[in-house]
Protein backbone atom coordinates (compact mmCIF):
# COMPACT_ATOMS: atom_id res chain seq x y z
CA UNK A 1 0.00 0.00 0.00
CA UNK A 2 1.10 3.57 -0.70
CA UNK A 3 3.08 4.73 2.39
CA UNK A 4 1.31 8.09 2.15
CA UNK A 5 -1.62 6.46 3.91
CA UNK A 6 0.39 5.37 6.96
CA UNK A 7 -0.06 8.84 8.53
CA UNK A 8 3.60 8.64 9.56
CA UNK A 9 5.01 11.10 12.07
CA UNK A 10 1.94 11.07 14.32
CA UNK A 11 1.37 9.30 17.65
CA UNK A 12 -2.29 8.53 16.97
CA UNK A 13 -3.70 7.67 13.55
CA UNK A 14 -7.28 6.92 12.50
CA UNK A 15 -8.49 4.97 9.48
CA UNK A 16 -11.55 3.01 8.35
CA UNK A 17 -12.33 -0.61 7.56
CA UNK A 18 -10.24 -3.55 6.42
CA UNK A 19 -8.09 -1.35 4.22
CA UNK A 20 -7.45 0.82 7.27
CA UNK A 21 -6.07 -2.19 9.12
CA UNK A 22 -3.74 -2.89 6.21
CA UNK A 23 -2.70 0.76 5.95
CA UNK A 24 -1.77 1.18 9.62
CA UNK A 25 -0.58 -2.26 10.76
CA UNK A 26 2.87 -1.96 9.21
CA UNK A 27 3.79 1.30 10.93
CA UNK A 28 1.90 1.19 14.23
CA UNK A 29 2.83 -0.56 17.47
CA UNK A 30 -0.79 -1.24 18.43
CA UNK A 31 -4.18 -1.33 16.73
CA UNK A 32 -7.50 -0.47 18.36
CA UNK A 33 -10.59 -1.77 16.58
CA UNK A 34 -13.71 0.36 17.10
CA UNK A 35 -17.21 -0.92 16.29
CA UNK A 36 -19.49 0.89 18.72
CA UNK A 37 -22.77 -0.57 17.43
CA UNK A 38 -22.13 -3.21 18.30
CA UNK A 39 -19.18 -5.63 18.21
CA UNK A 40 -16.56 -3.92 20.37
CA UNK A 41 -19.20 -2.75 22.86
CA UNK A 42 -20.29 -6.38 23.17
CA UNK A 43 -16.68 -7.49 23.58
CA UNK A 44 -16.16 -4.94 26.34
CA UNK A 45 -19.23 -6.13 28.23
CA UNK A 46 -18.41 -9.82 27.78
CA UNK A 47 -14.79 -9.46 28.89
CA UNK A 48 -15.80 -7.28 31.83
CA UNK A 49 -18.02 -10.18 32.92
CA UNK A 50 -15.08 -12.58 32.84
CA UNK A 51 -15.86 -14.02 29.41
CA UNK A 52 -13.67 -14.47 26.35
CA UNK A 53 -14.65 -13.60 22.79
CA UNK A 54 -13.46 -15.18 19.56
CA UNK A 55 -13.94 -12.69 16.69
CA UNK A 56 -15.19 -14.55 13.65
CA UNK A 57 -15.14 -13.52 10.02
CA UNK A 58 -18.71 -12.98 8.94
CA UNK A 59 -20.46 -15.89 7.24
CA UNK A 60 -17.21 -17.82 6.91
CA UNK A 61 -17.88 -21.55 7.17
CA UNK A 62 -14.26 -22.18 8.11
CA UNK A 63 -14.49 -19.68 10.98
CA UNK A 64 -17.60 -21.43 12.29
CA UNK A 65 -15.90 -24.82 12.14
CA UNK A 66 -12.81 -23.49 13.89
CA UNK A 67 -14.92 -21.86 16.60
CA UNK A 68 -16.82 -25.06 17.30
CA UNK A 69 -13.59 -27.05 17.39
CA UNK A 70 -12.20 -24.58 19.94
CA UNK A 71 -15.27 -25.01 22.13
CA UNK A 72 -16.80 -21.59 21.59
CA UNK A 73 -20.54 -21.01 22.06
CA UNK A 74 -22.07 -19.37 18.99
CA UNK A 75 -25.19 -17.17 18.78
CA UNK A 76 -26.73 -19.62 16.37
CA UNK A 77 -26.57 -22.37 19.00
CA UNK A 78 -29.83 -21.04 20.38
CA UNK A 79 -28.55 -19.62 23.65
CA UNK A 80 -29.37 -16.17 25.02
CA UNK A 81 -26.08 -14.56 23.93
CA UNK A 82 -25.80 -12.73 20.66
CA UNK A 83 -23.94 -9.79 19.10
CA UNK A 84 -26.30 -7.48 20.98
CA UNK A 85 -24.61 -5.84 24.00
CA UNK A 86 -27.78 -6.05 26.08
CA UNK A 87 -27.80 -9.85 25.72
CA UNK A 88 -24.43 -10.06 27.47
CA UNK A 89 -24.97 -8.06 30.66
CA UNK A 90 -25.53 -11.29 32.64
CA UNK A 91 -22.95 -13.43 30.80
CA UNK A 92 -21.55 -16.04 33.20
CA UNK A 93 -17.85 -15.75 33.96
CA UNK A 94 -15.76 -18.19 31.98
CA UNK A 95 -18.05 -18.22 28.93
CA UNK A 96 -16.14 -18.59 25.67
CA UNK A 97 -18.23 -16.86 23.03
CA UNK A 98 -17.73 -16.83 19.28
CA UNK A 99 -19.11 -13.64 17.72
CA UNK A 100 -19.28 -13.15 13.95
CA UNK A 101 -19.84 -9.70 12.46
CA UNK A 102 -19.11 -8.17 9.07
CA UNK A 103 -17.38 -5.21 10.68
CA UNK A 104 -15.63 -5.34 14.06
CA UNK A 105 -15.15 -9.08 14.23
CA UNK A 106 -13.92 -9.33 10.66
CA UNK A 107 -11.48 -6.47 11.23
CA UNK A 108 -10.27 -8.05 14.48
CA UNK A 109 -9.61 -11.35 12.74
CA UNK A 110 -7.64 -9.54 10.03
CA UNK A 111 -5.71 -7.48 12.60
CA UNK A 112 -4.79 -10.66 14.48
CA UNK A 113 -2.85 -11.79 11.42
CA UNK A 114 -0.63 -8.69 11.40
CA UNK A 115 1.32 -9.58 14.54
CA UNK A 116 0.59 -6.15 16.05
CA UNK A 117 -1.05 -6.01 19.52
CA UNK A 118 -4.81 -5.57 19.03
CA UNK A 119 -7.38 -4.06 21.42
CA UNK A 120 -11.16 -3.65 21.26
CA UNK A 121 -12.22 -0.06 21.91
CA UNK A 122 -15.59 1.65 22.24
CA UNK A 123 -17.10 4.64 23.99
CA UNK A 124 -17.57 2.67 27.20
CA UNK A 125 -13.89 1.81 27.62
CA UNK A 126 -12.20 4.62 25.67
CA UNK A 127 -10.26 6.08 28.65
CA UNK A 128 -9.11 2.64 29.83
CA UNK A 129 -7.97 1.49 26.38
CA UNK A 130 -6.20 4.80 25.81
CA UNK A 131 -4.30 4.42 29.07
CA UNK A 132 -3.26 0.89 28.09
CA UNK A 133 -1.87 1.80 24.66
CA UNK A 134 -0.39 5.19 25.50
CA UNK A 135 3.40 4.96 25.34
CA UNK A 136 3.50 1.81 23.20
CA UNK A 137 4.45 3.83 20.13
CA UNK A 138 2.29 4.96 17.23
CA UNK A 139 -1.28 3.71 17.72
CA UNK A 140 -3.65 3.00 14.86
CA UNK A 141 -7.32 3.39 15.68
CA UNK A 142 -9.47 1.69 13.07
CA UNK A 143 -13.13 2.63 12.86
CA UNK A 144 -14.95 -0.42 11.56
CA UNK A 145 -17.83 1.38 9.79
CA UNK A 146 -21.11 -0.21 8.77
CA UNK A 147 -22.10 -1.80 5.48
CA UNK A 148 -24.68 -0.92 2.88
CA UNK A 149 -26.62 -4.16 2.92
CA UNK A 150 -27.54 -4.31 -0.75
CA UNK A 151 -23.98 -3.92 -2.00
CA UNK A 152 -21.76 -4.58 1.02
CA UNK A 153 -19.89 -1.31 0.52
CA UNK A 154 -18.39 0.50 3.51
CA UNK A 155 -20.69 3.04 5.17
CA UNK A 156 -18.77 5.44 7.45
CA UNK A 157 -20.89 5.93 10.55
CA UNK A 158 -21.02 8.55 13.27
CA UNK A 159 -20.81 6.09 16.17
CA UNK A 160 -17.42 4.74 15.11
CA UNK A 161 -16.17 8.24 14.33
CA UNK A 162 -17.11 9.24 17.89
CA UNK A 163 -15.56 6.11 19.39
CA UNK A 164 -12.32 6.59 17.50
CA UNK A 165 -12.30 10.25 18.51
CA UNK A 166 -12.86 9.45 22.18
CA UNK A 167 -9.89 7.08 22.15
CA UNK A 168 -7.66 9.47 20.19
CA UNK A 169 -8.52 12.32 22.56
CA UNK A 170 -7.77 10.20 25.63
CA UNK A 171 -4.42 8.99 24.24
CA UNK A 172 -3.27 12.52 23.42
CA UNK A 173 0.07 13.40 21.86
CA UNK A 174 0.47 14.25 18.20
CA UNK A 175 -2.74 13.36 16.38
CA UNK A 176 -2.88 12.94 12.60
CA UNK A 177 -5.41 15.11 10.72
CA UNK A 178 -7.69 12.06 10.52
CA UNK A 179 -7.40 11.53 14.28
CA UNK A 180 -7.94 15.24 14.96
CA UNK A 181 -11.13 15.20 12.92
CA UNK A 182 -12.43 12.22 14.90
CA UNK A 183 -11.45 13.92 18.15
CA UNK A 184 -13.27 17.10 17.12
CA UNK A 185 -16.43 15.11 16.44
CA UNK A 186 -16.24 13.46 19.85
CA UNK A 187 -15.65 16.74 21.67
CA UNK A 188 -18.51 18.41 19.80
CA UNK A 189 -21.03 15.86 21.06
CA UNK A 190 -19.43 14.57 24.27
CA UNK A 191 -22.16 16.19 26.39
CA UNK A 192 -24.95 14.32 24.61
CA UNK A 193 -23.56 11.08 23.24
CA UNK A 194 -26.73 9.19 24.07
CA UNK A 195 -28.94 11.64 22.22
CA UNK A 196 -26.60 11.77 19.27
CA UNK A 197 -26.36 7.98 18.90
CA UNK A 198 -30.10 7.67 19.53
CA UNK A 199 -30.89 9.73 16.44
CA UNK A 200 -28.06 8.43 14.24
CA UNK A 201 -28.89 6.09 11.36
CA UNK A 202 -27.42 3.10 13.19
CA UNK A 203 -29.22 4.04 16.40
CA UNK A 204 -32.52 4.34 14.59
CA UNK A 205 -31.92 0.98 12.90
CA UNK A 206 -31.40 -0.72 16.27
CA UNK A 207 -34.37 1.01 17.85
CA UNK A 208 -36.61 0.02 14.94
CA UNK A 209 -35.49 -3.58 15.47
CA UNK A 210 -36.53 -3.38 19.12
CA UNK A 211 -33.07 -2.96 20.68
CA UNK A 212 -32.95 0.52 22.26
CA UNK A 213 -30.99 -0.88 25.21
CA UNK A 214 -28.04 -1.57 22.94
CA UNK A 215 -27.82 2.12 22.06
CA UNK A 216 -28.02 3.10 25.73
CA UNK A 217 -25.19 0.74 26.69
CA UNK A 218 -22.99 1.80 23.77
CA UNK A 219 -23.32 5.50 24.58
CA UNK A 220 -22.17 5.17 28.21
CA UNK A 221 -18.76 6.82 27.82
CA UNK A 222 -16.17 5.80 30.40
CA UNK A 223 -18.46 3.29 32.13
CA UNK A 224 -15.93 0.45 31.79
CA UNK A 225 -12.34 0.00 32.93
CA UNK A 226 -11.95 -3.17 30.85
CA UNK A 227 -9.25 -3.39 28.16
CA UNK A 228 -10.09 -6.33 25.86
CA UNK A 229 -6.83 -7.57 24.39
CA UNK A 230 -6.48 -10.04 21.54
CA UNK A 231 -4.40 -12.99 22.77
CA UNK A 232 -3.87 -15.87 20.32
CA UNK A 233 -6.88 -14.64 18.36
CA UNK A 234 -9.22 -14.33 21.37
CA UNK A 235 -10.27 -11.19 23.25
CA UNK A 236 -9.70 -11.57 26.97
C-alpha cells in the first residue's frame, strides 16, 4: 500500500475498515478496533463479565468450524447470547463466546494476522484502552464502519467516528489530521452522546429492530475499565 496512507510522524492515527487495518498495521505498534454498534461494545461487556470472545469472520464456514472445534458457544446455537450488548450483561464468567460480524469481528480477525497487539475499543472503555496503549508507540485506531446491505460497501458511521475520537482524545500526543477530525467530532457531542447515537442512522436501525438498550449501553462513555486484548486470536 502507498506509504502516504500510513499517517507517519503522528502518535495517533485513524483509518476506516479492512483497508485501514492494512494501511496502519505496518507502521503502528498497536491497533485499536472500534465498532461501537455493536461488536466492540459487546466485547467490552463480555470481557468485563469474565468471558472471552473469539472474533469470527462474517459468514465464513471455516471460521464457524474453527470456533466449534475450539469449544466456543455461537449465537446460532440457540442460547441467550448474541452480538447485541444487552444480551451479554448477565454473561456467566468463563463463557467462551464466538461472535461473527461483518465489521468489528472481521477487522479483528484480520488485525490478528498482522502480529501487532490488538485491542477492542468503544465509547464505554475509551479512557481505559487509551491508558493501556499510550506509550506503546504509534497507535492506529481503526473505525470499523457499517455496510450498505444491498452492495456490502463501507458506510462510514457517526458512532465509530465518535468512538475513535474518544480514544484518540484520551491517548493525546500528536494526532494525525484524521485523528484530529475524529477527536473534534467526539468533543462536539461529548455532552450528549446518548442523544446523538439515539438519532443516528445506526441508532434508529437498532431502535426500529426493538433494541434501544443496545444504544443506551454503547453511549455510556467511560463506564468500563476493561481493556479487551487479543491474545492468540481471542479477546480476553
